[in-house]
C-alpha atoms as a PDB file:
ATOM      1  CA  GLY A   1     -62.273  22.004  51.067  1.00  0.00           C
ATOM      2  CA  GLY A   2     -64.305  25.199  51.007  1.00  0.00           C
ATOM      3  CA  VAL A   3     -67.778  23.672  50.741  1.00  0.00           C
ATOM      4  CA  LEU A   4     -68.684  24.406  54.359  1.00  0.00           C
ATOM      5  CA  THR A   5     -68.649  27.490  56.525  1.00  0.00           C
ATOM      6  CA  GLY A   6     -69.621  28.032  60.158  1.00  0.00           C
ATOM      7  CA  THR A   7     -68.490  26.375  63.356  1.00  0.00           C
ATOM      8  CA  TRP A   8     -67.933  22.635  63.745  1.00  0.00           C
ATOM      9  CA  PRO A   9     -69.874  20.565  64.607  1.00  0.00           C
ATOM     10  CA  ASN A  10     -73.259  22.152  65.302  1.00  0.00           C
ATOM     11  CA  ASP A  11     -73.280  25.288  63.154  1.00  0.00           C
ATOM     12  CA  ILE A  12     -72.079  24.221  59.719  1.00  0.00           C
ATOM     13  CA  ARG A  13     -73.630  25.690  56.584  1.00  0.00           C
ATOM     14  CA  LEU A  14     -72.983  25.503  52.869  1.00  0.00           C
ATOM     15  CA  ALA A  15     -70.490  28.171  51.844  1.00  0.00           C
ATOM     16  CA  PHE A  16     -72.244  28.398  48.461  1.00  0.00           C
ATOM     17  CA  PRO A  17     -75.853  27.433  49.220  1.00  0.00           C
ATOM     18  CA  ASP A  18     -77.091  27.668  45.619  1.00  0.00           C
ATOM     19  CA  THR A  19     -74.325  25.488  44.153  1.00  0.00           C
ATOM     20  CA  PRO A  20     -74.865  21.765  43.511  1.00  0.00           C
ATOM     21  CA  VAL A  21     -72.087  19.478  44.791  1.00  0.00           C
ATOM     22  CA  VAL A  22     -71.127  16.340  42.841  1.00  0.00           C
ATOM     23  CA  ILE A  23     -70.160  13.350  45.028  1.00  0.00           C
ATOM     24  CA  HIS A  24     -69.601   9.750  43.945  1.00  0.00           C
ATOM     25  CA  GLU A  25     -72.476   7.530  45.087  1.00  0.00           C
ATOM     26  CA  ASP A  26     -70.021   5.249  46.962  1.00  0.00           C
ATOM     27  CA  ALA A  27     -68.987   8.205  49.138  1.00  0.00           C
ATOM     28  CA  VAL A  28     -72.628   9.214  49.619  1.00  0.00           C
ATOM     29  CA  ASN A  29     -73.533   5.684  50.738  1.00  0.00           C
ATOM     30  CA  ALA A  30     -70.525   5.485  53.076  1.00  0.00           C
ATOM     31  CA  ALA A  31     -71.438   8.847  54.619  1.00  0.00           C
ATOM     32  CA  ARG A  32     -75.034   7.773  55.151  1.00  0.00           C
ATOM     33  CA  ALA A  33     -73.887   4.542  56.848  1.00  0.00           C
ATOM     34  CA  ALA A  34     -71.325   6.184  59.148  1.00  0.00           C
ATOM     35  CA  ASP A  35     -71.916   7.320  62.728  1.00  0.00           C
ATOM     36  CA  PRO A  36     -72.695  11.057  62.476  1.00  0.00           C
ATOM     37  CA  ASP A  37     -71.258  11.601  65.955  1.00  0.00           C
ATOM     38  CA  ALA A  38     -67.884   9.994  65.213  1.00  0.00           C
ATOM     39  CA  PRO A  39     -65.029  12.475  65.771  1.00  0.00           C
ATOM     40  CA  ASN A  40     -64.345  14.627  62.706  1.00  0.00           C
ATOM     41  CA  ASN A  41     -66.987  12.887  60.601  1.00  0.00           C
ATOM     42  CA  VAL A  42     -67.502  15.706  58.134  1.00  0.00           C
ATOM     43  CA  GLY A  43     -68.824  13.418  55.383  1.00  0.00           C
ATOM     44  CA  THR A  44     -72.047  12.364  57.103  1.00  0.00           C
ATOM     45  CA  ARG A  45     -72.924  15.913  58.124  1.00  0.00           C
ATOM     46  CA  LEU A  46     -72.022  17.298  54.699  1.00  0.00           C
ATOM     47  CA  VAL A  47     -74.136  14.750  52.797  1.00  0.00           C
ATOM     48  CA  ALA A  48     -77.099  15.321  55.128  1.00  0.00           C
ATOM     49  CA  LEU A  49     -76.792  19.097  54.732  1.00  0.00           C
ATOM     50  CA  LEU A  50     -76.518  18.857  50.936  1.00  0.00           C
ATOM     51  CA  GLU A  51     -79.590  16.612  50.843  1.00  0.00           C
ATOM     52  CA  ARG A  52     -81.599  19.000  53.063  1.00  0.00           C
ATOM     53  CA  GLU A  53     -80.631  21.930  50.838  1.00  0.00           C
ATOM     54  CA  GLY A  54     -81.321  19.996  47.602  1.00  0.00           C
ATOM     55  CA  GLN A  55     -77.745  20.458  46.377  1.00  0.00           C
ATOM     56  CA  LEU A  56     -76.440  16.857  46.442  1.00  0.00           C
ATOM     57  CA  VAL A  57     -75.694  15.350  43.014  1.00  0.00           C
ATOM     58  CA  PRO A  58     -74.703  11.675  43.414  1.00  0.00           C
ATOM     59  CA  VAL A  59     -72.803  10.321  40.378  1.00  0.00           C
ATOM     60  CA  THR A  60     -71.235   7.100  39.151  1.00  0.00           C
ATOM     61  CA  ASP A  61     -68.149   6.331  37.079  1.00  0.00           C
ATOM     62  CA  GLY A  62     -68.228   8.075  33.718  1.00  0.00           C
ATOM     63  CA  THR A  63     -71.012  10.548  34.519  1.00  0.00           C
ATOM     64  CA  GLU A  64     -70.872  13.684  32.375  1.00  0.00           C
ATOM     65  CA  ILE A  65     -71.333  16.544  34.854  1.00  0.00           C
ATOM     66  CA  ALA A  66     -71.122  19.341  32.250  1.00  0.00           C
ATOM     67  CA  ASP A  67     -70.529  19.528  28.519  1.00  0.00           C
ATOM     68  CA  ALA A  68     -67.328  17.549  27.819  1.00  0.00           C
ATOM     69  CA  VAL A  69     -66.614  17.183  31.573  1.00  0.00           C
ATOM     70  CA  ARG A  70     -66.934  13.732  33.142  1.00  0.00           C
ATOM     71  CA  VAL A  71     -65.838  12.023  36.312  1.00  0.00           C
ATOM     72  CA  ARG A  72     -63.988   8.730  36.536  1.00  0.00           C
ATOM     73  CA  SER A  73     -63.785   6.555  39.619  1.00  0.00           C
ATOM     74  CA  ALA A  74     -60.337   6.403  41.180  1.00  0.00           C
ATOM     75  CA  PRO A  75     -60.848   4.132  44.204  1.00  0.00           C
ATOM     76  CA  GLY A  76     -58.413   3.408  46.994  1.00  0.00           C
ATOM     77  CA  HIS A  77     -57.367   6.789  48.338  1.00  0.00           C
ATOM     78  CA  ARG A  78     -60.794   7.458  49.840  1.00  0.00           C
ATOM     79  CA  VAL A  79     -64.231   5.966  49.245  1.00  0.00           C
ATOM     80  CA  GLY A  80     -65.706   7.678  46.208  1.00  0.00           C
ATOM     81  CA  HIS A  81     -62.432   9.289  45.096  1.00  0.00           C
ATOM     82  CA  MET A  82     -62.718  10.557  41.490  1.00  0.00           C
ATOM     83  CA  CYS A  83     -60.711  12.174  38.715  1.00  0.00           C
ATOM     84  CA  VAL A  84     -62.230  14.887  36.524  1.00  0.00           C
ATOM     85  CA  HIS A  85     -61.721  14.596  32.754  1.00  0.00           C
ATOM     86  CA  VAL A  86     -62.204  17.477  30.335  1.00  0.00           C
ATOM     87  CA  ASP A  87     -62.560  16.090  26.815  1.00  0.00           C
ATOM     88  CA  GLY A  88     -61.583  17.916  23.662  1.00  0.00           C
ATOM     89  CA  PRO A  89     -58.706  18.406  21.242  1.00  0.00           C
ATOM     90  CA  ASP A  90     -56.270  18.911  24.150  1.00  0.00           C
ATOM     91  CA  PRO A  91     -57.761  16.746  26.927  1.00  0.00           C
ATOM     92  CA  PHE A  92     -57.154  17.653  30.555  1.00  0.00           C
ATOM     93  CA  VAL A  93     -57.381  15.514  33.718  1.00  0.00           C
ATOM     94  CA  HIS A  94     -57.486  16.580  37.346  1.00  0.00           C
ATOM     95  CA  ALA A  95     -56.058  13.366  38.802  1.00  0.00           C
ATOM     96  CA  ALA A  96     -56.845  14.533  42.356  1.00  0.00           C
ATOM     97  CA  ASP A  97     -55.047  12.348  44.940  1.00  0.00           C
ATOM     98  CA  THR A  98     -54.097   9.384  42.758  1.00  0.00           C
ATOM     99  CA  PHE A  99     -50.468  10.309  43.400  1.00  0.00           C
ATOM    100  CA  HIS A 100     -48.846  13.113  45.364  1.00  0.00           C
ATOM    101  CA  ASN A 101     -45.357  13.727  44.071  1.00  0.00           C
ATOM    102  CA  GLU A 102     -43.375  13.570  40.837  1.00  0.00           C
ATOM    103  CA  ALA A 103     -41.378  10.600  42.202  1.00  0.00           C
ATOM    104  CA  HIS A 104     -44.585   8.568  42.419  1.00  0.00           C
ATOM    105  CA  VAL A 105     -44.841   8.502  38.621  1.00  0.00           C
ATOM    106  CA  ALA A 106     -41.818   6.212  38.280  1.00  0.00           C
ATOM    107  CA  HIS A 107     -42.462   4.566  41.669  1.00  0.00           C
ATOM    108  CA  PRO A 108     -46.229   4.396  42.279  1.00  0.00           C
ATOM    109  CA  GLU A 109     -45.674   1.906  45.098  1.00  0.00           C
ATOM    110  CA  TRP A 110     -44.092   4.686  47.195  1.00  0.00           C
ATOM    111  CA  ASP A 111     -47.418   6.474  47.595  1.00  0.00           C
ATOM    112  CA  THR A 112     -49.619   4.286  49.779  1.00  0.00           C
ATOM    113  CA  SER A 113     -49.297   5.620  53.338  1.00  0.00           C
ATOM    114  CA  ALA A 114     -52.200   8.082  53.027  1.00  0.00           C
ATOM    115  CA  ASP A 115     -54.576   5.669  51.283  1.00  0.00           C
ATOM    116  CA  GLU A 116     -57.564   3.984  52.955  1.00  0.00           C
ATOM    117  CA  ASP A 117     -57.125   0.903  50.732  1.00  0.00           C
ATOM    118  CA  PRO A 118     -53.452   0.825  49.676  1.00  0.00           C
ATOM    119  CA  GLU A 119     -53.754  -2.182  47.328  1.00  0.00           C
ATOM    120  CA  THR A 120     -56.692  -0.693  45.409  1.00  0.00           C
ATOM    121  CA  ALA A 121     -55.068   2.756  45.399  1.00  0.00           C
ATOM    122  CA  LEU A 122     -51.888   1.321  43.891  1.00  0.00           C
ATOM    123  CA  ALA A 123     -53.859  -0.414  41.122  1.00  0.00           C
ATOM    124  CA  THR A 124     -55.762   2.836  40.471  1.00  0.00           C
ATOM    125  CA  ARG A 125     -52.535   4.874  40.449  1.00  0.00           C
ATOM    126  CA  ARG A 126     -50.981   2.539  37.884  1.00  0.00           C
ATOM    127  CA  ARG A 127     -54.146   2.640  35.732  1.00  0.00           C
ATOM    128  CA  VAL A 128     -54.399   6.446  35.816  1.00  0.00           C
ATOM    129  CA  LEU A 129     -50.707   6.906  35.017  1.00  0.00           C
ATOM    130  CA  ALA A 130     -50.950   4.468  32.082  1.00  0.00           C
ATOM    131  CA  GLU A 131     -54.068   6.229  30.780  1.00  0.00           C
ATOM    132  CA  LEU A 132     -52.334   9.611  31.012  1.00  0.00           C
ATOM    133  CA  ALA A 133     -49.299   8.268  29.159  1.00  0.00           C
ATOM    134  CA  ASP A 134     -51.469   6.640  26.474  1.00  0.00           C
ATOM    135  CA  SER A 135     -53.724   9.665  25.957  1.00  0.00           C
ATOM    136  CA  GLY A 136     -51.107  12.419  26.184  1.00  0.00           C
ATOM    137  CA  ALA A 137     -53.615  14.450  28.236  1.00  0.00           C
ATOM    138  CA  ARG A 138     -52.417  17.393  30.287  1.00  0.00           C
ATOM    139  CA  ALA A 139     -52.992  16.807  33.990  1.00  0.00           C
ATOM    140  CA  VAL A 140     -52.697  18.259  37.475  1.00  0.00           C
ATOM    141  CA  ILE A 141     -52.805  16.609  40.891  1.00  0.00           C
ATOM    142  CA  THR A 142     -53.933  18.036  44.191  1.00  0.00           C
ATOM    143  CA  HIS A 143     -50.624  18.021  46.069  1.00  0.00           C
ATOM    144  CA  MET A 144     -48.175  19.096  43.362  1.00  0.00           C
ATOM    145  CA  PRO A 145     -46.562  22.403  44.330  1.00  0.00           C
ATOM    146  CA  GLY A 146     -47.955  25.247  42.254  1.00  0.00           C
ATOM    147  CA  PRO A 147     -50.680  25.189  39.629  1.00  0.00           C
ATOM    148  CA  HIS A 148     -48.485  23.475  37.046  1.00  0.00           C
ATOM    149  CA  ALA A 149     -49.878  21.130  34.452  1.00  0.00           C
ATOM    150  CA  PHE A 150     -47.856  18.163  33.243  1.00  0.00           C
ATOM    151  CA  ARG A 151     -48.013  15.212  30.883  1.00  0.00           C
ATOM    152  CA  ILE A 152     -46.911  11.640  31.540  1.00  0.00           C
ATOM    153  CA  ALA A 153     -44.352  10.269  29.084  1.00  0.00           C
ATOM    154  CA  ARG A 154     -43.377   6.649  28.533  1.00  0.00           C
ATOM    155  CA  ASP A 155     -39.864   5.736  27.369  1.00  0.00           C
ATOM    156  CA  ASN A 156     -38.985   2.026  27.110  1.00  0.00           C
ATOM    157  CA  GLY A 157     -41.767   1.234  29.573  1.00  0.00           C
ATOM    158  CA  VAL A 158     -40.610   3.795  32.174  1.00  0.00           C
ATOM    159  CA  LEU A 159     -43.042   6.591  33.044  1.00  0.00           C
ATOM    160  CA  SER A 160     -41.928  10.142  33.786  1.00  0.00           C
ATOM    161  CA  LEU A 161     -43.578  13.469  34.475  1.00  0.00           C
ATOM    162  CA  VAL A 162     -42.992  16.216  31.922  1.00  0.00           C
ATOM    163  CA  ALA A 163     -43.880  19.648  33.305  1.00  0.00           C
ATOM    164  CA  GLU A 164     -45.770  22.062  31.079  1.00  0.00           C
ATOM    165  CA  GLN A 165     -44.326  25.549  30.837  1.00  0.00           C
ATOM    166  CA  PRO A 166     -46.493  28.112  32.666  1.00  0.00           C
END
């Protein structure tokens, strides 16, 4: 995702060597426990490199990583998956990979094929969608086309995505 540069697997470097990288402690622990020589195991090499360079910042659920910016655990998609919350008068949430398409708002059960733990991911997806509807926070997700923010609305118990005007 832009953190590394160089040639895989033996010449990887940090693309921004003076920048700390926040990773959920569950993902850090999983990376440390994994076989570093497994095919495409970027996580183990990345965590080791970040530790060597002193740029690894392990966090837990609810950690404030900057003023009014905190991370929330969103398990199921990948180990250590998190959402980023920006608090304030008009709160904002980067919901990352909790869902991938507008249709998944009304049908969260349609979005499990890419998840490591589909049952946990579905529970997380439902929780995040309910929290977004309850809070009225603006949000974005990783795989939504374009950089468009949205809000989640609830009408008679049915959730829908309401796009923000650019």
